[in-house]
Amino acid sequence: MSITFLEKKPGQRACSQKDEKGELCVGHLKRWYQAPAEVVSAAGHDAQVFRCERCHALYLPSAKDTSSAGLQYEVRPVNLLGGFMRHGGK
């Protein structure tokens, strides 16, 4: 049995698979923390696996995704008042 992963687009939160009628699934993509061992081994040890709650399609985040939905956001310094600083430190 081969496991197929779809690419989760940057900021994508709903499933984009189509059913046999050609309609979109639009199920919510949730991070799958307790994936079976064969899914973890197919995706890689440190990979984040997302699964559609309706059709159970499996997604891996895109490498280009820097949003908080992809959990690969850019760390920025914060000043004493809690505001984000620019990269130059100003």
N, C-alpha and C. Protein backbone atom coordinates (compact mmCIF):
# COMPACT_ATOMS: atom_id res chain seq x y z
N MET A 1 0.84 -1.18 0.00
CA MET A 1 0.00 0.00 0.00
C MET A 1 0.88 1.24 0.00
N SER A 2 0.77 2.07 -1.01
CA SER A 2 1.55 3.30 -1.05
C SER A 2 0.70 4.45 -0.50
N ILE A 3 1.35 5.31 0.24
CA ILE A 3 0.67 6.45 0.85
C ILE A 3 0.94 7.67 -0.02
N THR A 4 -0.12 8.38 -0.40
CA THR A 4 0.02 9.55 -1.25
C THR A 4 -0.22 10.80 -0.42
N PHE A 5 0.70 11.75 -0.54
CA PHE A 5 0.58 13.02 0.15
C PHE A 5 0.32 14.11 -0.87
N LEU A 6 -0.56 15.03 -0.53
CA LEU A 6 -0.82 16.21 -1.34
C LEU A 6 -0.04 17.36 -0.74
N GLU A 7 0.21 18.40 -1.54
CA GLU A 7 0.94 19.56 -1.04
C GLU A 7 -0.05 20.59 -0.51
N LYS A 8 0.12 20.97 0.73
CA LYS A 8 -0.72 21.99 1.35
C LYS A 8 -0.18 23.34 0.93
N LYS A 9 -0.99 24.13 0.25
CA LYS A 9 -0.57 25.44 -0.25
C LYS A 9 -0.39 26.41 0.92
N PRO A 10 0.38 27.49 0.73
CA PRO A 10 0.56 28.46 1.82
C PRO A 10 -0.77 29.05 2.28
N GLY A 11 -1.07 28.90 3.56
CA GLY A 11 -2.30 29.42 4.14
C GLY A 11 -3.53 28.56 3.92
N GLN A 12 -3.41 27.42 3.25
CA GLN A 12 -4.56 26.56 2.97
C GLN A 12 -5.04 25.90 4.24
N ARG A 13 -6.36 25.97 4.49
CA ARG A 13 -6.93 25.34 5.67
C ARG A 13 -8.05 24.36 5.34
N ALA A 14 -8.47 24.30 4.07
CA ALA A 14 -9.55 23.41 3.66
C ALA A 14 -9.05 22.47 2.56
N CYS A 15 -9.62 21.28 2.54
CA CYS A 15 -9.24 20.25 1.58
C CYS A 15 -9.67 20.64 0.17
N SER A 16 -8.82 20.37 -0.80
CA SER A 16 -9.11 20.72 -2.19
C SER A 16 -9.35 19.50 -3.06
N GLN A 17 -9.62 18.35 -2.46
CA GLN A 17 -9.89 17.14 -3.22
C GLN A 17 -11.31 17.17 -3.76
N LYS A 18 -11.52 16.54 -4.91
CA LYS A 18 -12.85 16.45 -5.51
C LYS A 18 -13.37 15.02 -5.37
N ASP A 19 -14.68 14.89 -5.14
CA ASP A 19 -15.28 13.58 -5.04
C ASP A 19 -15.67 13.06 -6.43
N GLU A 20 -16.39 11.95 -6.49
CA GLU A 20 -16.73 11.36 -7.78
C GLU A 20 -17.70 12.21 -8.59
N LYS A 21 -18.43 13.12 -7.93
CA LYS A 21 -19.32 14.04 -8.63
C LYS A 21 -18.61 15.30 -9.11
N GLY A 22 -17.35 15.47 -8.71
CA GLY A 22 -16.58 16.64 -9.11
C GLY A 22 -16.70 17.81 -8.15
N GLU A 23 -17.33 17.59 -6.98
CA GLU A 23 -17.50 18.64 -5.99
C GLU A 23 -16.33 18.63 -5.02
N LEU A 24 -15.95 19.82 -4.56
CA LEU A 24 -14.84 19.93 -3.61
C LEU A 24 -15.24 19.38 -2.25
N CYS A 25 -14.30 18.77 -1.56
CA CYS A 25 -14.53 18.21 -0.23
C CYS A 25 -14.69 19.34 0.79
N VAL A 26 -13.77 20.30 0.82
CA VAL A 26 -13.75 21.46 1.69
C VAL A 26 -13.76 21.09 3.17
N GLY A 27 -13.23 19.92 3.52
CA GLY A 27 -13.08 19.54 4.92
C GLY A 27 -11.91 20.29 5.55
N HIS A 28 -11.97 20.49 6.85
CA HIS A 28 -10.92 21.21 7.56
C HIS A 28 -9.65 20.36 7.66
N LEU A 29 -8.50 20.97 7.36
CA LEU A 29 -7.22 20.26 7.48
C LEU A 29 -6.72 20.44 8.90
N LYS A 30 -6.50 19.35 9.57
CA LYS A 30 -6.02 19.38 10.94
C LYS A 30 -4.67 18.68 11.03
N ARG A 31 -3.82 19.19 11.89
CA ARG A 31 -2.51 18.57 12.12
C ARG A 31 -2.75 17.21 12.74
N TRP A 32 -2.11 16.19 12.21
CA TRP A 32 -2.31 14.82 12.67
C TRP A 32 -1.13 14.44 13.55
N TYR A 33 -1.31 14.60 14.86
CA TYR A 33 -0.24 14.35 15.81
C TYR A 33 -0.03 12.87 16.09
N GLN A 34 -1.07 12.07 15.99
CA GLN A 34 -0.96 10.64 16.33
C GLN A 34 -1.11 9.78 15.08
N ALA A 35 -0.33 10.11 14.08
CA ALA A 35 -0.37 9.35 12.83
C ALA A 35 0.25 7.97 13.04
N PRO A 36 -0.24 6.96 12.32
CA PRO A 36 0.34 5.62 12.42
C PRO A 36 1.80 5.60 11.97
N ALA A 37 2.50 4.59 12.37
CA ALA A 37 3.94 4.48 12.09
C ALA A 37 4.24 4.48 10.60
N GLU A 38 3.41 3.83 9.78
CA GLU A 38 3.69 3.78 8.34
C GLU A 38 3.53 5.15 7.69
N VAL A 39 2.63 5.99 8.20
CA VAL A 39 2.47 7.35 7.67
C VAL A 39 3.67 8.21 8.06
N VAL A 40 4.12 8.09 9.31
CA VAL A 40 5.27 8.85 9.78
C VAL A 40 6.53 8.45 9.02
N SER A 41 6.70 7.16 8.77
CA SER A 41 7.90 6.72 8.05
C SER A 41 7.85 7.16 6.59
N ALA A 42 6.66 7.22 5.98
CA ALA A 42 6.56 7.67 4.59
C ALA A 42 6.77 9.17 4.47
N ALA A 43 6.32 9.94 5.47
CA ALA A 43 6.44 11.40 5.42
C ALA A 43 7.81 11.88 5.88
N GLY A 44 8.46 11.13 6.73
CA GLY A 44 9.72 11.56 7.32
C GLY A 44 9.52 11.77 8.81
N HIS A 45 10.58 11.63 9.57
CA HIS A 45 10.46 11.65 11.03
C HIS A 45 9.95 12.98 11.58
N ASP A 46 10.46 14.10 11.11
CA ASP A 46 10.08 15.41 11.64
C ASP A 46 9.03 16.13 10.79
N ALA A 47 8.41 15.44 9.86
CA ALA A 47 7.44 16.07 8.97
C ALA A 47 6.13 16.34 9.69
N GLN A 48 5.50 17.45 9.32
CA GLN A 48 4.18 17.78 9.84
C GLN A 48 3.15 17.21 8.87
N VAL A 49 2.28 16.34 9.35
CA VAL A 49 1.27 15.72 8.51
C VAL A 49 -0.08 16.32 8.87
N PHE A 50 -0.82 16.76 7.83
CA PHE A 50 -2.16 17.28 8.02
C PHE A 50 -3.13 16.30 7.36
N ARG A 51 -4.32 16.14 7.98
CA ARG A 51 -5.31 15.21 7.44
C ARG A 51 -6.67 15.90 7.37
N CYS A 52 -7.37 15.68 6.27
CA CYS A 52 -8.72 16.24 6.10
C CYS A 52 -9.66 15.49 7.03
N GLU A 53 -10.52 16.23 7.73
CA GLU A 53 -11.42 15.58 8.67
C GLU A 53 -12.61 14.91 7.99
N ARG A 54 -12.85 15.19 6.69
CA ARG A 54 -13.96 14.56 5.99
C ARG A 54 -13.52 13.37 5.15
N CYS A 55 -12.57 13.59 4.24
CA CYS A 55 -12.18 12.52 3.31
C CYS A 55 -10.88 11.84 3.70
N HIS A 56 -10.22 12.32 4.75
CA HIS A 56 -8.98 11.75 5.29
C HIS A 56 -7.81 11.79 4.32
N ALA A 57 -7.80 12.77 3.40
CA ALA A 57 -6.66 12.96 2.51
C ALA A 57 -5.49 13.49 3.34
N LEU A 58 -4.27 13.09 2.99
CA LEU A 58 -3.08 13.49 3.74
C LEU A 58 -2.34 14.60 3.01
N TYR A 59 -1.90 15.59 3.76
CA TYR A 59 -1.20 16.74 3.21
C TYR A 59 0.12 16.95 3.94
N LEU A 60 1.12 17.39 3.19
CA LEU A 60 2.39 17.87 3.76
C LEU A 60 2.50 19.35 3.43
N PRO A 61 3.00 20.16 4.37
CA PRO A 61 3.09 21.60 4.09
C PRO A 61 4.12 21.91 3.02
N SER A 62 3.86 22.96 2.27
CA SER A 62 4.78 23.42 1.24
C SER A 62 6.02 24.02 1.89
N ALA A 63 7.16 23.88 1.26
CA ALA A 63 8.39 24.47 1.80
C ALA A 63 8.35 25.98 1.72
N LYS A 64 7.50 26.54 0.83
CA LYS A 64 7.39 27.98 0.66
C LYS A 64 6.45 28.62 1.68
N ASP A 65 5.76 27.82 2.49
CA ASP A 65 4.76 28.35 3.42
C ASP A 65 5.44 28.94 4.65
N THR A 66 5.35 30.26 4.80
CA THR A 66 5.92 30.92 5.98
C THR A 66 4.82 31.47 6.88
N SER A 67 3.57 31.04 6.67
CA SER A 67 2.48 31.51 7.51
C SER A 67 2.42 30.69 8.80
N SER A 68 1.67 31.16 9.76
CA SER A 68 1.53 30.41 11.00
C SER A 68 0.70 29.15 10.79
N ALA A 69 -0.08 29.09 9.70
CA ALA A 69 -0.85 27.88 9.39
C ALA A 69 0.09 26.75 9.00
N GLY A 70 1.24 27.07 8.41
CA GLY A 70 2.23 26.06 8.04
C GLY A 70 3.21 25.80 9.15
N LEU A 71 3.12 26.57 10.23
CA LEU A 71 3.98 26.44 11.41
C LEU A 71 5.46 26.58 11.08
N GLN A 72 5.79 27.36 10.03
CA GLN A 72 7.18 27.60 9.66
C GLN A 72 7.40 29.10 9.56
N TYR A 73 6.86 29.83 10.51
CA TYR A 73 6.92 31.28 10.46
C TYR A 73 8.31 31.79 10.80
N GLU A 74 8.56 33.03 10.43
CA GLU A 74 9.86 33.67 10.64
C GLU A 74 9.91 34.27 12.04
N VAL A 75 10.96 33.99 12.78
CA VAL A 75 11.12 34.53 14.13
C VAL A 75 11.67 35.95 14.01
N ARG A 76 10.98 36.90 14.65
CA ARG A 76 11.40 38.30 14.62
C ARG A 76 11.60 38.79 16.05
N PRO A 77 12.57 39.68 16.26
CA PRO A 77 12.81 40.19 17.61
C PRO A 77 11.66 41.10 18.07
N VAL A 78 11.46 41.15 19.40
CA VAL A 78 10.39 41.94 20.00
C VAL A 78 11.03 42.97 20.92
N ASN A 79 10.51 44.21 20.91
CA ASN A 79 11.06 45.23 21.81
C ASN A 79 10.44 45.09 23.21
N LEU A 80 10.81 45.96 24.14
CA LEU A 80 10.33 45.87 25.52
C LEU A 80 8.83 46.05 25.65
N LEU A 81 8.21 46.77 24.72
CA LEU A 81 6.77 47.01 24.77
C LEU A 81 5.97 45.90 24.09
N GLY A 82 6.63 44.92 23.54
CA GLY A 82 5.96 43.78 22.91
C GLY A 82 5.72 43.93 21.42
N GLY A 83 6.21 45.03 20.83
CA GLY A 83 6.04 45.22 19.39
C GLY A 83 7.16 44.57 18.61
N PHE A 84 6.85 44.18 17.39
CA PHE A 84 7.86 43.56 16.54
C PHE A 84 8.82 44.62 16.00
N MET A 85 10.11 44.29 15.98
CA MET A 85 11.12 45.19 15.44
C MET A 85 11.44 44.77 14.01
N ARG A 86 11.96 45.70 13.26
CA ARG A 86 12.40 45.39 11.90
C ARG A 86 13.68 44.58 11.96
N HIS A 87 14.08 44.02 10.85
CA HIS A 87 15.27 43.19 10.81
C HIS A 87 16.54 43.96 11.15
N GLY A 88 16.56 45.25 10.91
CA GLY A 88 17.73 46.06 11.20
C GLY A 88 17.87 46.37 12.69
N GLY A 89 16.88 46.00 13.50
CA GLY A 89 16.93 46.25 14.92
C GLY A 89 16.42 47.63 15.31
N LYS A 90 15.79 48.32 14.36
CA LYS A 90 15.30 49.68 14.62
C LYS A 90 13.82 49.68 14.88
